[in-house]
């Protein structure tokens, strides 16, 4: 157990040393890095929104949204009865 703790501690210290090595670069180019990061997040969000809007909905869902609620509620019971009758 002690060997594992020492290994984890050494790995963490080495990682922190590696981060310290890049600190001057990050400080010098922080605004560029912030801009690139925010542009990447914005691009990813745009791709997700476009993908969701271009996805075709099922015919059943499109019909349910097209029909008024009153007609939709009237059709639910007969369709359920029809399905039950067909499955017997």
Foldseek 3Di string as FASTA:
>chain_A
DVVVVVVVVVVVVVVVVVVVVCVVVCVVCVVVVVVVVVVVVVVVVVVVVVVVVPDDDDPVVVVLVVDDPVVVVVVPVVVVVVVVVVVD
